[in-house]
Amino acid sequence: MSASEYFYQQTRKRGIKREWCEAIVSSPIATELQPDGRMRHWGYCEEAKHYIRVVTEINGELLNAFFDRNFERRRQR
């Protein structure tokens, strides 16, 4: 799975491991297509004790990832 330089910069800054993101993309709890054609993938990371949102290009390239504190609240709606 390829990744952009921006992905590496952001995940390093946020303390998110690439292997967590790859696991989430491989087996997400939820996915959503963005209007720009990119995909959002959500998963829970037991090691970090947080939900993480991973954004990819349609071809699977990792673009961005961050802890998503509002995932549970949005999911309950």
N, C-alpha and C. Protein backbone atom coordinates (compact mmCIF):
# COMPACT_ATOMS: atom_id res chain seq x y z
N MET A 1 0.85 -1.18 0.00
CA MET A 1 0.00 0.00 0.00
C MET A 1 0.90 1.24 0.00
N SER A 2 0.74 2.09 -0.99
CA SER A 2 1.56 3.29 -1.07
C SER A 2 0.99 4.40 -0.19
N ALA A 3 1.82 5.38 0.11
CA ALA A 3 1.40 6.49 0.97
C ALA A 3 2.06 7.78 0.50
N SER A 4 1.34 8.88 0.66
CA SER A 4 1.87 10.18 0.27
C SER A 4 2.81 10.71 1.34
N GLU A 5 3.64 11.65 0.97
CA GLU A 5 4.54 12.29 1.93
C GLU A 5 3.73 13.02 3.01
N TYR A 6 2.61 13.62 2.61
CA TYR A 6 1.73 14.30 3.56
C TYR A 6 1.25 13.31 4.63
N PHE A 7 0.90 12.10 4.22
CA PHE A 7 0.46 11.07 5.15
C PHE A 7 1.56 10.82 6.20
N TYR A 8 2.80 10.66 5.75
CA TYR A 8 3.90 10.42 6.69
C TYR A 8 4.09 11.59 7.65
N GLN A 9 4.01 12.82 7.14
CA GLN A 9 4.18 14.00 7.99
C GLN A 9 3.10 14.05 9.06
N GLN A 10 1.85 13.86 8.66
CA GLN A 10 0.73 13.99 9.58
C GLN A 10 0.69 12.87 10.62
N THR A 11 0.93 11.65 10.17
CA THR A 11 0.87 10.53 11.12
C THR A 11 2.03 10.60 12.12
N ARG A 12 3.17 11.03 11.67
CA ARG A 12 4.32 11.19 12.58
C ARG A 12 3.98 12.23 13.65
N LYS A 13 3.41 13.34 13.22
CA LYS A 13 3.04 14.42 14.13
C LYS A 13 1.96 13.98 15.13
N ARG A 14 1.03 13.13 14.67
CA ARG A 14 -0.11 12.70 15.50
C ARG A 14 0.15 11.42 16.28
N GLY A 15 1.26 10.77 16.03
CA GLY A 15 1.56 9.53 16.74
C GLY A 15 0.75 8.34 16.27
N ILE A 16 0.41 8.33 15.00
CA ILE A 16 -0.38 7.24 14.40
C ILE A 16 0.56 6.35 13.59
N LYS A 17 0.49 5.06 13.82
CA LYS A 17 1.36 4.12 13.12
C LYS A 17 0.75 3.70 11.78
N ARG A 18 1.61 3.55 10.80
CA ARG A 18 1.17 3.14 9.47
C ARG A 18 0.44 1.79 9.51
N GLU A 19 0.94 0.86 10.31
CA GLU A 19 0.30 -0.45 10.36
C GLU A 19 -1.13 -0.39 10.90
N TRP A 20 -1.40 0.57 11.79
CA TRP A 20 -2.78 0.76 12.25
C TRP A 20 -3.66 1.16 11.07
N CYS A 21 -3.16 2.09 10.27
CA CYS A 21 -3.92 2.60 9.12
C CYS A 21 -4.16 1.50 8.09
N GLU A 22 -3.15 0.71 7.83
CA GLU A 22 -3.31 -0.39 6.86
C GLU A 22 -4.33 -1.40 7.35
N ALA A 23 -4.34 -1.69 8.64
CA ALA A 23 -5.32 -2.62 9.20
C ALA A 23 -6.73 -2.06 9.09
N ILE A 24 -6.89 -0.76 9.30
CA ILE A 24 -8.20 -0.13 9.21
C ILE A 24 -8.71 -0.15 7.77
N VAL A 25 -7.84 0.16 6.82
CA VAL A 25 -8.24 0.15 5.41
C VAL A 25 -8.60 -1.27 4.97
N SER A 26 -7.89 -2.26 5.48
CA SER A 26 -8.15 -3.65 5.11
C SER A 26 -9.46 -4.18 5.71
N SER A 27 -9.82 -3.69 6.88
CA SER A 27 -11.02 -4.19 7.56
C SER A 27 -11.70 -3.05 8.33
N PRO A 28 -12.32 -2.10 7.61
CA PRO A 28 -12.92 -0.94 8.28
C PRO A 28 -14.24 -1.26 8.97
N ILE A 29 -14.56 -0.47 9.98
CA ILE A 29 -15.87 -0.54 10.63
C ILE A 29 -16.89 0.15 9.73
N ALA A 30 -16.46 1.24 9.09
CA ALA A 30 -17.33 2.02 8.20
C ALA A 30 -16.48 2.65 7.11
N THR A 31 -17.12 2.89 5.97
CA THR A 31 -16.47 3.60 4.86
C THR A 31 -17.44 4.61 4.29
N GLU A 32 -16.87 5.61 3.62
CA GLU A 32 -17.69 6.65 3.00
C GLU A 32 -16.93 7.24 1.83
N LEU A 33 -17.62 7.44 0.73
CA LEU A 33 -17.03 8.08 -0.44
C LEU A 33 -17.19 9.58 -0.29
N GLN A 34 -16.09 10.31 -0.40
CA GLN A 34 -16.13 11.77 -0.33
C GLN A 34 -16.55 12.33 -1.69
N PRO A 35 -17.06 13.56 -1.74
CA PRO A 35 -17.43 14.16 -3.02
C PRO A 35 -16.28 14.26 -4.02
N ASP A 36 -15.03 14.34 -3.52
CA ASP A 36 -13.88 14.46 -4.41
C ASP A 36 -13.36 13.10 -4.90
N GLY A 37 -14.07 12.02 -4.55
CA GLY A 37 -13.69 10.68 -5.01
C GLY A 37 -12.78 9.92 -4.07
N ARG A 38 -12.34 10.56 -3.02
CA ARG A 38 -11.50 9.87 -2.04
C ARG A 38 -12.38 9.06 -1.10
N MET A 39 -11.78 8.10 -0.42
CA MET A 39 -12.51 7.24 0.51
C MET A 39 -12.10 7.51 1.95
N ARG A 40 -13.09 7.47 2.83
CA ARG A 40 -12.83 7.55 4.27
C ARG A 40 -13.06 6.15 4.85
N HIS A 41 -12.15 5.72 5.69
CA HIS A 41 -12.24 4.42 6.35
C HIS A 41 -12.09 4.67 7.85
N TRP A 42 -12.97 4.07 8.66
CA TRP A 42 -12.88 4.21 10.11
C TRP A 42 -12.62 2.86 10.74
N GLY A 43 -11.88 2.89 11.83
CA GLY A 43 -11.64 1.68 12.60
C GLY A 43 -11.22 2.05 14.00
N TYR A 44 -11.36 1.08 14.89
CA TYR A 44 -10.94 1.30 16.27
C TYR A 44 -9.57 0.67 16.45
N CYS A 45 -8.66 1.42 17.02
CA CYS A 45 -7.31 0.93 17.29
C CYS A 45 -7.21 0.63 18.77
N GLU A 46 -7.15 -0.64 19.09
CA GLU A 46 -7.08 -1.07 20.49
C GLU A 46 -5.81 -0.54 21.16
N GLU A 47 -4.71 -0.54 20.44
CA GLU A 47 -3.45 -0.07 21.02
C GLU A 47 -3.50 1.41 21.39
N ALA A 48 -4.15 2.21 20.55
CA ALA A 48 -4.25 3.66 20.80
C ALA A 48 -5.48 4.02 21.62
N LYS A 49 -6.43 3.08 21.72
CA LYS A 49 -7.70 3.31 22.44
C LYS A 49 -8.51 4.45 21.85
N HIS A 50 -8.48 4.56 20.50
CA HIS A 50 -9.21 5.61 19.79
C HIS A 50 -9.69 5.09 18.43
N TYR A 51 -10.73 5.75 17.93
CA TYR A 51 -11.12 5.53 16.54
C TYR A 51 -10.19 6.37 15.67
N ILE A 52 -9.86 5.83 14.52
CA ILE A 52 -9.00 6.53 13.56
C ILE A 52 -9.72 6.59 12.23
N ARG A 53 -9.68 7.76 11.59
CA ARG A 53 -10.20 7.91 10.23
C ARG A 53 -8.99 7.95 9.30
N VAL A 54 -9.03 7.11 8.27
CA VAL A 54 -7.96 7.06 7.27
C VAL A 54 -8.56 7.46 5.93
N VAL A 55 -7.94 8.43 5.27
CA VAL A 55 -8.40 8.89 3.97
C VAL A 55 -7.45 8.35 2.91
N THR A 56 -8.05 7.75 1.86
CA THR A 56 -7.26 7.19 0.77
C THR A 56 -7.76 7.70 -0.57
N GLU A 57 -6.87 7.64 -1.55
CA GLU A 57 -7.30 7.83 -2.93
C GLU A 57 -8.10 6.60 -3.32
N ILE A 58 -8.83 6.67 -4.39
CA ILE A 58 -9.65 5.54 -4.84
C ILE A 58 -8.76 4.32 -5.16
N ASN A 59 -7.50 4.57 -5.52
CA ASN A 59 -6.57 3.47 -5.82
C ASN A 59 -5.94 2.87 -4.57
N GLY A 60 -6.28 3.40 -3.39
CA GLY A 60 -5.80 2.85 -2.13
C GLY A 60 -4.61 3.57 -1.52
N GLU A 61 -4.05 4.58 -2.20
CA GLU A 61 -2.92 5.32 -1.63
C GLU A 61 -3.36 6.03 -0.35
N LEU A 62 -2.59 5.87 0.72
CA LEU A 62 -2.87 6.51 1.99
C LEU A 62 -2.58 8.01 1.89
N LEU A 63 -3.56 8.84 2.22
CA LEU A 63 -3.39 10.30 2.12
C LEU A 63 -3.32 11.00 3.46
N ASN A 64 -4.14 10.56 4.42
CA ASN A 64 -4.21 11.26 5.70
C ASN A 64 -4.81 10.31 6.73
N ALA A 65 -4.53 10.55 7.99
CA ALA A 65 -5.11 9.77 9.08
C ALA A 65 -5.11 10.62 10.33
N PHE A 66 -6.17 10.48 11.11
CA PHE A 66 -6.24 11.21 12.36
C PHE A 66 -7.21 10.54 13.31
N PHE A 67 -7.04 10.82 14.61
CA PHE A 67 -7.95 10.31 15.61
C PHE A 67 -9.28 11.02 15.43
N ASP A 68 -10.36 10.25 15.42
CA ASP A 68 -11.70 10.81 15.18
C ASP A 68 -12.52 10.69 16.47
N ARG A 69 -12.49 11.74 17.26
CA ARG A 69 -13.20 11.74 18.55
C ARG A 69 -14.71 11.72 18.40
N ASN A 70 -15.24 12.14 17.25
CA ASN A 70 -16.69 12.24 17.07
C ASN A 70 -17.31 11.04 16.35
N PHE A 71 -16.54 10.02 16.06
CA PHE A 71 -17.05 8.90 15.28
C PHE A 71 -18.23 8.22 15.96
N GLU A 72 -18.14 7.91 17.24
CA GLU A 72 -19.23 7.23 17.95
C GLU A 72 -20.51 8.07 17.93
N ARG A 73 -20.37 9.36 18.16
CA ARG A 73 -21.54 10.25 18.18
C ARG A 73 -22.23 10.28 16.81
N ARG A 74 -21.45 10.42 15.75
CA ARG A 74 -22.02 10.44 14.39
C ARG A 74 -22.65 9.11 14.04
N ARG A 75 -22.04 8.05 14.49
CA ARG A 75 -22.52 6.70 14.17
C ARG A 75 -23.87 6.42 14.82
N GLN A 76 -24.15 7.01 15.97
CA GLN A 76 -25.39 6.78 16.70
C GLN A 76 -26.58 7.50 16.08
N ARG A 77 -26.34 8.44 15.20
CA ARG A 77 -27.45 9.20 14.57
C ARG A 77 -28.22 8.36 13.59
